[in-house]
């Protein structure tokens, strides 16, 4: 086997592999042993024809075709080993000739990442303040949500609940035809088309209205986008909410119940504060990651972007099929080709990979690890919060794929927490924790393999 090596990029090696007859022979013999039991040769029992006879019947090309995938895979693996390469992902492989069998293999190597002087980054966490006004807004929402609907002997207002018959047509074609449907008129309700709620405002019970609205130019169905839609509406009933008094009795009916309205207010304040704290933490981590990525230099093969795009496309196709829509129909609706959509997705996909590789490098430098016990604890917490779980779900939670996803999530979380500590000038605490055998979150640090340190 002749191997020619070309290094065009620091993160990519191209191998040109040419096999001689001796290299191909074991694969041809393997193909013979497969085909001899499938092809009947005159004068021989099934499976007993000598290779020379079988080859004279089917031709050497048929044997090579049968063995091609195995020969290519085995030859690339052997060449990678001989060249002492460590592929970061599956190589891109193409057969360039058949006589002699020649292969071109593009081998992606581990991305090269330099984080720069990230320890000098300084970001202050935004202060958190929750006032009485925010608490009152939540109380008002709870008050509205618990209010019963009562018949209203007046014209429609925004915020009402109405029961209507509605027929909609576009150029004589039906858009919708609903009887006794409940509808909530609101200034921001754009269903079925923007302006529908506005046209209903002021209509009375048993009143019929006919009006025309123009569909937006970016409407999901291209056959309707930008066209005039004619609606006929009959109002059957108008209801309004009757708000309860904000008192101790109201508080007793909220959630698990509170003894007093003041106790409910205190609980709302605690929840709002906790949410604001989480949002402040998240905002800090996002800003820190943005600055980390801005100062980092990341180099990796373009093929990784293309493969990630293919994965995203596959997932999107599967998601559409779960909603009983084929990708071809979706593409018609958005008016774009697969190539156009992928081109739009490419910058974000590349940025996502840069984010991942940058976090991987930071986790490596900070010696952050996630143990199997950590994964077990996280899954146990999920189970505790989800109530009864059926057998199928438990099997999913125990799968290697799910456990890998949990480990990745934990690794990302811990790496971002460490980054947040660094940008706030608390890295000395992190170093002290490392020297004591723990991470900054109090978790035991047990080390790990290189693969364990990938968010």
Protein backbone atom coordinates (compact mmCIF):
# COMPACT_ATOMS: atom_id res chain seq x y z
CA UNK A 1 0.00 0.00 0.00
CA UNK A 2 1.37 3.37 -1.04
CA UNK A 3 0.46 6.38 1.12
CA UNK A 4 1.03 10.01 0.18
CA UNK A 5 0.46 12.55 2.92
CA UNK A 6 -0.49 16.18 2.38
CA UNK A 7 -1.00 18.65 5.23
CA UNK A 8 -2.92 21.64 3.90
CA UNK A 9 -4.16 22.84 7.31
CA UNK A 10 -2.92 22.36 10.88
CA UNK A 11 -6.20 20.60 11.65
CA UNK A 12 -6.51 18.47 8.51
CA UNK A 13 -4.44 15.85 6.73
CA UNK A 14 -5.12 14.47 3.26
CA UNK A 15 -4.03 10.89 2.60
CA UNK A 16 -3.82 9.51 -0.94
CA UNK A 17 -3.83 5.72 -0.68
CA UNK A 18 -3.06 3.33 -3.52
CA UNK A 19 -3.54 -0.42 -3.04
CA UNK A 20 -1.61 -3.04 -4.99
CA UNK A 21 -2.93 -6.53 -5.78
CA UNK A 22 -1.60 -8.01 -2.56
CA UNK A 23 -3.45 -5.34 -0.53
CA UNK A 24 -6.74 -6.00 -2.32
CA UNK A 25 -6.46 -9.80 -2.29
CA UNK A 26 -7.75 -10.42 1.29
CA UNK A 27 -10.83 -8.29 0.56
CA UNK A 28 -11.52 -10.10 -2.73
CA UNK A 29 -11.26 -13.42 -0.90
CA UNK A 30 -13.73 -12.14 1.72
CA UNK A 31 -16.10 -11.10 -1.08
CA UNK A 32 -15.78 -14.53 -2.71
CA UNK A 33 -16.77 -16.26 0.54
CA UNK A 34 -19.86 -14.06 0.75
CA UNK A 35 -20.93 -14.46 -2.88
CA UNK A 36 -20.25 -18.16 -3.28
CA UNK A 37 -23.15 -18.89 -0.95
CA UNK A 38 -25.49 -16.59 -2.89
CA UNK A 39 -24.75 -17.37 -6.55
CA UNK A 40 -25.43 -20.73 -8.15
CA UNK A 41 -22.64 -21.86 -10.53
CA UNK A 42 -23.47 -24.60 -13.02
CA UNK A 43 -21.75 -27.87 -12.19
CA UNK A 44 -21.18 -27.05 -8.51
CA UNK A 45 -23.29 -27.30 -5.39
CA UNK A 46 -24.22 -24.00 -3.76
CA UNK A 47 -21.22 -22.67 -1.89
CA UNK A 48 -18.73 -25.14 -3.40
CA UNK A 49 -17.56 -23.35 -6.55
CA UNK A 50 -13.83 -22.47 -6.45
CA UNK A 51 -13.01 -18.80 -6.45
CA UNK A 52 -11.46 -18.88 -9.93
CA UNK A 53 -14.65 -20.39 -11.35
CA UNK A 54 -16.93 -17.95 -9.52
CA UNK A 55 -14.75 -15.02 -10.62
CA UNK A 56 -14.93 -16.18 -14.24
CA UNK A 57 -18.73 -16.15 -13.97
CA UNK A 58 -19.36 -12.84 -12.16
CA UNK A 59 -16.15 -10.99 -13.03
CA UNK A 60 -13.48 -9.47 -10.82
CA UNK A 61 -15.39 -6.18 -10.81
CA UNK A 62 -18.29 -7.84 -9.00
CA UNK A 63 -15.97 -9.18 -6.32
CA UNK A 64 -14.36 -5.77 -5.94
CA UNK A 65 -17.76 -4.08 -5.75
CA UNK A 66 -18.83 -6.48 -3.01
CA UNK A 67 -15.62 -5.87 -1.07
CA UNK A 68 -15.28 -2.14 -1.80
CA UNK A 69 -16.74 -0.70 1.38
CA UNK A 70 -14.76 -3.10 3.57
CA UNK A 71 -11.56 -2.54 1.57
CA UNK A 72 -11.86 1.23 1.71
CA UNK A 73 -12.64 1.29 5.41
CA UNK A 74 -9.88 -1.14 6.31
CA UNK A 75 -7.29 0.59 4.12
CA UNK A 76 -8.06 4.03 5.55
CA UNK A 77 -7.85 2.68 9.10
CA UNK A 78 -4.49 1.07 8.32
CA UNK A 79 -3.16 4.24 6.68
CA UNK A 80 -4.25 6.39 9.64
CA UNK A 81 -2.46 4.01 11.98
CA UNK A 82 0.72 3.93 9.88
CA UNK A 83 0.78 7.74 9.75
CA UNK A 84 0.26 7.94 13.54
CA UNK A 85 -2.81 10.15 13.14
CA UNK A 86 -5.58 10.61 15.71
CA UNK A 87 -8.75 11.61 13.83
CA UNK A 88 -11.06 14.00 15.69
CA UNK A 89 -14.04 12.71 13.65
CA UNK A 90 -14.76 10.28 10.85
CA UNK A 91 -12.67 11.02 7.73
CA UNK A 92 -14.19 12.10 4.42
CA UNK A 93 -13.37 9.26 2.01
CA UNK A 94 -13.63 9.02 -1.79
CA UNK A 95 -12.56 6.33 -4.24
CA UNK A 96 -10.61 8.07 -7.00
CA UNK A 97 -9.78 5.03 -9.16
CA UNK A 98 -10.46 1.30 -9.30
CA UNK A 99 -7.42 -0.06 -11.14
CA UNK A 100 -5.39 0.17 -9.07
CA UNK A 101 -7.79 0.89 -6.20
CA UNK A 102 -7.01 4.45 -5.08
CA UNK A 103 -8.54 6.35 -2.19
CA UNK A 104 -8.48 9.94 -1.02
CA UNK A 105 -9.12 10.38 2.71
CA UNK A 106 -9.42 13.79 4.40
CA UNK A 107 -8.61 13.28 8.08
CA UNK A 108 -9.94 15.91 10.53
CA UNK A 109 -7.60 16.48 13.46
CA UNK A 110 -8.37 17.95 16.86
CA UNK A 111 -9.30 21.65 16.68
CA UNK A 112 -6.56 24.05 17.73
CA UNK A 113 -7.71 26.52 20.38
CA UNK A 114 -5.81 29.34 22.04
CA UNK A 115 -7.85 31.11 24.73
CA UNK A 116 -5.66 34.17 25.11
CA UNK A 117 -5.46 36.10 28.38
CA UNK A 118 -8.94 35.22 29.58
CA UNK A 119 -7.98 35.67 33.25
CA UNK A 120 -7.76 39.42 32.68
CA UNK A 121 -11.44 39.63 31.67
CA UNK A 122 -13.47 41.53 34.26
CA UNK A 123 -17.27 41.74 34.25
CA UNK A 124 -19.46 42.89 37.13
CA UNK A 125 -22.63 40.94 37.83
CA UNK A 126 -25.70 43.14 37.37
CA UNK A 127 -27.36 44.06 40.69
CA UNK A 128 -30.71 42.43 41.40
CA UNK A 129 -33.68 44.43 42.66
CA UNK A 130 -37.31 43.37 42.88
CA UNK A 131 -39.80 46.02 43.97
CA UNK A 132 -43.38 46.05 45.23
CA UNK A 133 -44.59 47.10 41.78
CA UNK A 134 -43.41 43.82 40.26
CA UNK A 135 -45.10 41.87 43.06
CA UNK A 136 -48.37 43.70 42.38
CA UNK A 137 -48.12 42.88 38.68
CA UNK A 138 -47.92 39.17 39.53
CA UNK A 139 -50.86 39.51 41.92
CA UNK A 140 -52.89 41.16 39.18
CA UNK A 141 -52.05 38.34 36.77
CA UNK A 142 -53.08 35.73 39.34
CA UNK A 143 -56.25 37.72 39.95
CA UNK A 144 -57.11 37.69 36.25
CA UNK A 145 -56.25 34.00 35.81
CA UNK A 146 -58.53 32.99 38.70
CA UNK A 147 -61.42 35.20 37.58
CA UNK A 148 -64.49 33.34 36.26
CA UNK A 149 -66.03 34.17 32.90
CA UNK A 150 -69.52 35.69 33.18
CA UNK A 151 -71.96 36.70 30.41
CA UNK A 152 -71.72 40.40 29.50
CA UNK A 153 -74.69 42.30 28.08
CA UNK A 154 -72.61 44.76 26.05
CA UNK A 155 -70.48 44.99 22.88
CA UNK A 156 -67.13 43.19 22.61
CA UNK A 157 -64.05 44.69 24.30
CA UNK A 158 -60.45 43.57 24.24
CA UNK A 159 -59.92 41.01 27.00
CA UNK A 160 -63.35 39.41 26.59
CA UNK A 161 -64.07 35.83 25.64
CA UNK A 162 -66.44 35.52 22.71
CA UNK A 163 -68.16 32.60 21.02
CA UNK A 164 -68.35 33.08 17.26
CA UNK A 165 -69.00 31.40 13.95
CA UNK A 166 -66.39 32.46 11.41
CA UNK A 167 -65.98 31.75 7.71
CA UNK A 168 -62.90 32.99 5.85
CA UNK A 169 -62.18 32.84 2.12
CA UNK A 170 -59.32 33.90 -0.16
CA UNK A 171 -60.22 34.43 -3.81
CA UNK A 172 -63.24 32.22 -3.25
CA UNK A 173 -61.16 29.43 -1.70
CA UNK A 174 -61.90 28.44 1.94
CA UNK A 175 -59.40 29.66 4.53
CA UNK A 176 -61.37 28.51 7.59
CA UNK A 177 -64.89 27.54 8.61
CA UNK A 178 -65.45 27.26 12.38
CA UNK A 179 -68.68 27.00 14.36
CA UNK A 180 -69.11 28.14 17.99
CA UNK A 181 -65.38 28.70 18.45
CA UNK A 182 -64.18 30.51 21.58
CA UNK A 183 -61.95 33.48 20.81
CA UNK A 184 -60.06 36.03 22.94
CA UNK A 185 -59.97 39.44 21.20
CA UNK A 186 -56.75 41.29 22.03
CA UNK A 187 -54.67 43.97 20.34
CA UNK A 188 -51.75 41.54 20.01
CA UNK A 189 -53.82 38.54 18.86
CA UNK A 190 -52.92 38.05 15.19
CA UNK A 191 -54.97 34.85 14.71
CA UNK A 192 -56.29 34.12 12.14
CA UNK A 193 -54.86 37.33 10.62
CA UNK A 194 -53.57 40.60 12.08
CA UNK A 195 -56.48 43.00 12.63
CA UNK A 196 -59.13 40.32 13.18
CA UNK A 197 -59.56 41.28 16.86
CA UNK A 198 -59.81 44.98 15.97
CA UNK A 199 -62.64 44.27 13.56
CA UNK A 200 -64.54 42.35 16.28
CA UNK A 201 -64.26 45.13 18.87
CA UNK A 202 -67.64 46.79 19.38
CA UNK A 203 -69.72 43.97 17.90
CA UNK A 204 -72.72 42.90 19.97
CA UNK A 205 -74.29 39.53 20.72
CA UNK A 206 -76.11 38.05 17.67
CA UNK A 207 -74.52 40.66 15.40
CA UNK A 208 -73.06 39.61 12.06
CA UNK A 209 -70.01 41.31 10.60
CA UNK A 210 -68.37 41.03 7.20
CA UNK A 211 -64.93 42.51 6.61
CA UNK A 212 -61.75 42.06 4.57
CA UNK A 213 -58.15 41.79 5.83
CA UNK A 214 -54.91 41.51 3.88
CA UNK A 215 -52.66 38.59 4.77
CA UNK A 216 -49.05 39.56 5.60
CA UNK A 217 -46.52 39.21 2.80
CA UNK A 218 -44.58 36.73 4.95
CA UNK A 219 -47.64 34.59 5.78
CA UNK A 220 -46.69 30.92 6.20
CA UNK A 221 -48.78 29.74 3.24
CA UNK A 222 -47.41 31.36 0.04
CA UNK A 223 -50.76 30.84 -1.69
CA UNK A 224 -52.37 33.25 0.80
CA UNK A 225 -49.51 35.67 1.54
CA UNK A 226 -50.28 39.26 0.53
CA UNK A 227 -53.85 38.47 -0.59
CA UNK A 228 -57.22 39.84 0.53
CA UNK A 229 -59.14 37.56 2.90
CA UNK A 230 -62.89 37.98 3.38
CA UNK A 231 -64.41 37.07 6.75
CA UNK A 232 -68.01 36.56 7.84
CA UNK A 233 -68.50 36.48 11.63
CA UNK A 234 -71.59 35.83 13.77
CA UNK A 235 -71.27 36.67 17.48
CA UNK A 236 -73.09 34.17 19.70
CA UNK A 237 -71.95 35.20 23.17
CA UNK A 238 -69.79 37.77 24.97
CA UNK A 239 -68.19 37.01 28.37
CA UNK A 240 -66.04 39.08 30.72
CA UNK A 241 -63.88 38.22 33.69
CA UNK A 242 -65.20 39.08 37.15
CA UNK A 243 -62.10 39.81 39.21
CA UNK A 244 -62.06 38.50 42.80
CA UNK A 245 -61.03 40.75 45.67
CA UNK A 246 -57.36 40.65 46.64
CA UNK A 247 -57.72 39.45 50.23
CA UNK A 248 -56.82 36.53 52.49
CA UNK A 249 -59.54 34.34 50.94
CA UNK A 250 -58.05 34.93 47.52
CA UNK A 251 -54.59 33.96 48.83
CA UNK A 252 -55.92 30.66 50.18
CA UNK A 253 -56.94 29.62 46.65
CA UNK A 254 -53.58 30.31 44.99
CA UNK A 255 -51.30 27.31 44.43
CA UNK A 256 -51.15 25.17 47.55
CA UNK A 257 -52.76 27.99 49.47
CA UNK A 258 -51.46 30.79 51.71
CA UNK A 259 -52.87 31.80 55.08
CA UNK A 260 -52.81 35.50 54.27
CA UNK A 261 -52.42 37.85 51.34
CA UNK A 262 -49.21 39.10 52.91
CA UNK A 263 -47.80 35.55 52.94
CA UNK A 264 -48.63 35.29 49.24
CA UNK A 265 -46.86 38.59 48.58
CA UNK A 266 -43.75 37.35 50.42
CA UNK A 267 -43.74 34.14 48.37
CA UNK A 268 -44.06 36.11 45.13
CA UNK A 269 -41.18 38.37 46.20
CA UNK A 270 -38.99 35.34 46.94
CA UNK A 271 -39.79 33.73 43.59
CA UNK A 272 -39.21 36.94 41.63
CA UNK A 273 -35.92 37.51 43.41
CA UNK A 274 -34.74 33.95 42.73
CA UNK A 275 -35.67 34.32 39.06
CA UNK A 276 -33.87 37.67 38.84
CA UNK A 277 -30.79 36.12 40.45
CA UNK A 278 -30.77 33.30 37.90
CA UNK A 279 -31.19 35.77 35.04
CA UNK A 280 -28.33 37.91 36.36
CA UNK A 281 -26.12 34.83 36.58
CA UNK A 282 -27.08 33.78 33.07
CA UNK A 283 -26.45 37.27 31.71
CA UNK A 284 -23.02 37.32 33.36
CA UNK A 285 -22.10 33.93 31.89
CA UNK A 286 -23.22 34.93 28.40
CA UNK A 287 -21.20 38.15 28.52
CA UNK A 288 -18.18 36.29 29.87
CA UNK A 289 -18.43 33.66 27.15
CA UNK A 290 -18.76 36.34 24.47
CA UNK A 291 -15.55 37.98 25.67
CA UNK A 292 -13.78 34.64 26.02
CA UNK A 293 -14.67 33.77 22.42
CA UNK A 294 -13.67 37.24 21.22
CA UNK A 295 -10.17 36.72 22.58
CA UNK A 296 -9.82 33.10 21.49
CA UNK A 297 -8.29 31.75 18.29
CA UNK A 298 -10.05 28.61 17.08
CA UNK A 299 -9.13 26.61 13.99
CA UNK A 300 -10.92 23.48 12.79
CA UNK A 301 -11.76 21.74 9.48
CA UNK A 302 -14.71 23.05 7.46
CA UNK A 303 -16.01 19.50 7.18
CA UNK A 304 -17.10 19.71 10.83
CA UNK A 305 -19.42 22.59 9.95
CA UNK A 306 -20.91 20.64 7.06
CA UNK A 307 -21.49 17.58 9.22
CA UNK A 308 -23.12 19.64 11.93
CA UNK A 309 -25.37 21.20 9.30
CA UNK A 310 -26.32 17.71 8.12
CA UNK A 311 -27.13 16.69 11.70
CA UNK A 312 -29.30 19.77 12.23
CA UNK A 313 -31.05 19.13 8.92
CA UNK A 314 -31.74 15.53 9.88
CA UNK A 315 -33.18 16.60 13.23
CA UNK A 316 -35.34 19.25 11.59
CA UNK A 317 -36.62 16.74 9.05
CA UNK A 318 -37.51 14.31 11.83
CA UNK A 319 -39.27 17.08 13.79
CA UNK A 320 -41.35 18.01 10.74
CA UNK A 321 -42.28 14.38 10.15
CA UNK A 322 -43.46 14.10 13.76
CA UNK A 323 -45.87 16.92 12.85
CA UNK A 324 -46.85 15.04 9.67
CA UNK A 325 -45.06 17.42 7.32
CA UNK A 326 -42.41 16.47 4.80
CA UNK A 327 -39.35 18.64 4.26
CA UNK A 328 -40.32 19.23 0.63
CA UNK A 329 -43.62 20.78 1.75
CA UNK A 330 -41.83 22.94 4.33
CA UNK A 331 -39.39 24.19 1.70
CA UNK A 332 -42.31 25.12 -0.58
CA UNK A 333 -43.95 27.07 2.22
CA UNK A 334 -40.83 29.10 3.06
CA UNK A 335 -39.97 29.49 -0.61
CA UNK A 336 -36.36 28.37 -0.24
CA UNK A 337 -34.20 25.46 -1.32
CA UNK A 338 -32.24 23.15 0.97
CA UNK A 339 -29.01 24.80 -0.15
CA UNK A 340 -30.36 28.30 0.62
CA UNK A 341 -31.51 27.35 4.10
CA UNK A 342 -28.24 25.60 4.91
CA UNK A 343 -26.33 28.65 3.73
CA UNK A 344 -28.37 30.78 6.14
CA UNK A 345 -27.66 28.33 8.95
CA UNK A 346 -23.91 28.06 8.27
CA UNK A 347 -22.66 31.14 10.21
CA UNK A 348 -24.63 30.23 13.33
CA UNK A 349 -23.50 26.61 13.06
CA UNK A 350 -19.86 27.65 12.83
CA UNK A 351 -20.28 29.96 15.81
CA UNK A 352 -21.86 27.14 17.80
CA UNK A 353 -18.85 24.91 17.11
CA UNK A 354 -16.45 27.69 18.09
CA UNK A 355 -18.37 28.06 21.35
CA UNK A 356 -18.16 24.33 22.02
CA UNK A 357 -14.44 24.05 21.25
CA UNK A 358 -13.68 27.15 23.33
CA UNK A 359 -15.53 25.75 26.33
CA UNK A 360 -13.79 22.40 25.87
CA UNK A 361 -10.42 24.12 26.00
CA UNK A 362 -11.36 26.12 29.09
CA UNK A 363 -12.59 22.97 30.84
CA UNK A 364 -9.29 21.30 29.98
CA UNK A 365 -7.18 24.19 31.26
CA UNK A 366 -9.27 24.48 34.42
CA UNK A 367 -9.19 20.71 34.97
CA UNK A 368 -12.98 20.49 35.24
CA UNK A 369 -14.47 16.99 35.29
CA UNK A 370 -17.82 15.23 35.56
CA UNK A 371 -17.85 11.77 37.12
CA UNK A 372 -20.35 8.96 36.50
CA UNK A 373 -21.59 9.59 40.03
CA UNK A 374 -22.33 13.20 39.09
CA UNK A 375 -24.40 12.00 36.14
CA UNK A 376 -26.28 9.54 38.38
CA UNK A 377 -27.10 12.32 40.83
CA UNK A 378 -28.38 14.59 38.06
CA UNK A 379 -30.62 11.88 36.61
CA UNK A 380 -31.92 11.04 40.11
CA UNK A 381 -32.83 14.72 40.53
CA UNK A 382 -34.71 14.63 37.21
CA UNK A 383 -36.64 11.57 38.34
CA UNK A 384 -37.48 13.16 41.69
CA UNK A 385 -38.95 16.20 39.94
CA UNK A 386 -40.91 14.28 37.30
CA UNK A 387 -43.09 12.05 39.47
CA UNK A 388 -44.07 8.61 38.18
CA UNK A 389 -41.90 7.42 35.26
CA UNK A 390 -42.78 4.49 32.99
CA UNK A 391 -40.41 1.68 32.02
CA UNK A 392 -39.65 3.11 28.58
CA UNK A 393 -38.62 6.47 30.04
CA UNK A 394 -36.39 4.79 32.60
CA UNK A 395 -34.68 2.82 29.85
CA UNK A 396 -34.09 6.07 27.95
CA UNK A 397 -32.62 7.73 31.04
CA UNK A 398 -30.26 4.78 31.49
CA UNK A 399 -29.03 4.79 27.86
CA UNK A 400 -25.45 5.75 27.05
CA UNK A 401 -26.70 8.46 24.70
CA UNK A 402 -28.83 10.15 27.35
CA UNK A 403 -26.13 9.83 29.99
CA UNK A 404 -23.67 11.41 27.56
CA UNK A 405 -26.06 14.31 27.03
CA UNK A 406 -26.41 14.81 30.79
CA UNK A 407 -22.63 14.69 31.25
CA UNK A 408 -22.19 17.28 28.50
CA UNK A 409 -24.77 19.56 30.11
CA UNK A 410 -23.11 19.27 33.50
CA UNK A 411 -19.69 19.94 32.02
CA UNK A 412 -20.93 23.06 30.23
CA UNK A 413 -22.65 24.29 33.38
CA UNK A 414 -19.56 23.84 35.53
CA UNK A 415 -17.27 25.39 32.95
CA UNK A 416 -19.47 28.48 32.67
CA UNK A 417 -19.67 28.73 36.45
CA UNK A 418 -15.88 28.65 36.63
CA UNK A 419 -15.68 31.29 33.90
CA UNK A 420 -18.12 33.50 35.82
CA UNK A 421 -15.92 33.14 38.89
CA UNK A 422 -12.84 34.14 36.91
CA UNK A 423 -14.33 37.26 35.30
CA UNK A 424 -15.50 38.48 38.71
CA UNK A 425 -11.93 38.27 40.00
CA UNK A 426 -12.58 35.18 42.12
CA UNK A 427 -10.12 32.89 40.33
CA UNK A 428 -7.92 32.69 43.43
CA UNK A 429 -10.80 30.93 45.15
CA UNK A 430 -10.96 28.53 42.21
CA UNK A 431 -7.24 27.84 42.44
CA UNK A 432 -7.52 27.23 46.16
CA UNK A 433 -10.37 24.82 45.56
CA UNK A 434 -8.30 23.00 42.95
CA UNK A 435 -5.40 22.61 45.33
CA UNK A 436 -7.79 21.24 47.96
CA UNK A 437 -9.10 18.65 45.51
CA UNK A 438 -12.47 20.31 44.86
CA UNK A 439 -14.01 22.52 42.23
CA UNK A 440 -15.45 25.95 43.15
CA UNK A 441 -18.90 24.43 43.56
CA UNK A 442 -17.71 22.10 46.31
CA UNK A 443 -17.73 19.06 44.06
CA UNK A 444 -14.92 16.50 44.57
CA UNK A 445 -12.36 16.71 41.79
CA UNK A 446 -11.41 13.22 40.70
CA UNK A 447 -9.80 14.04 37.34
CA UNK A 448 -10.89 12.40 34.12
CA UNK A 449 -9.96 11.45 30.60
CA UNK A 450 -9.70 13.87 27.72
CA UNK A 451 -13.17 12.84 26.53
CA UNK A 452 -14.61 13.53 29.98
CA UNK A 453 -13.49 17.14 29.68
CA UNK A 454 -15.63 18.00 26.67
CA UNK A 455 -18.82 20.02 27.41
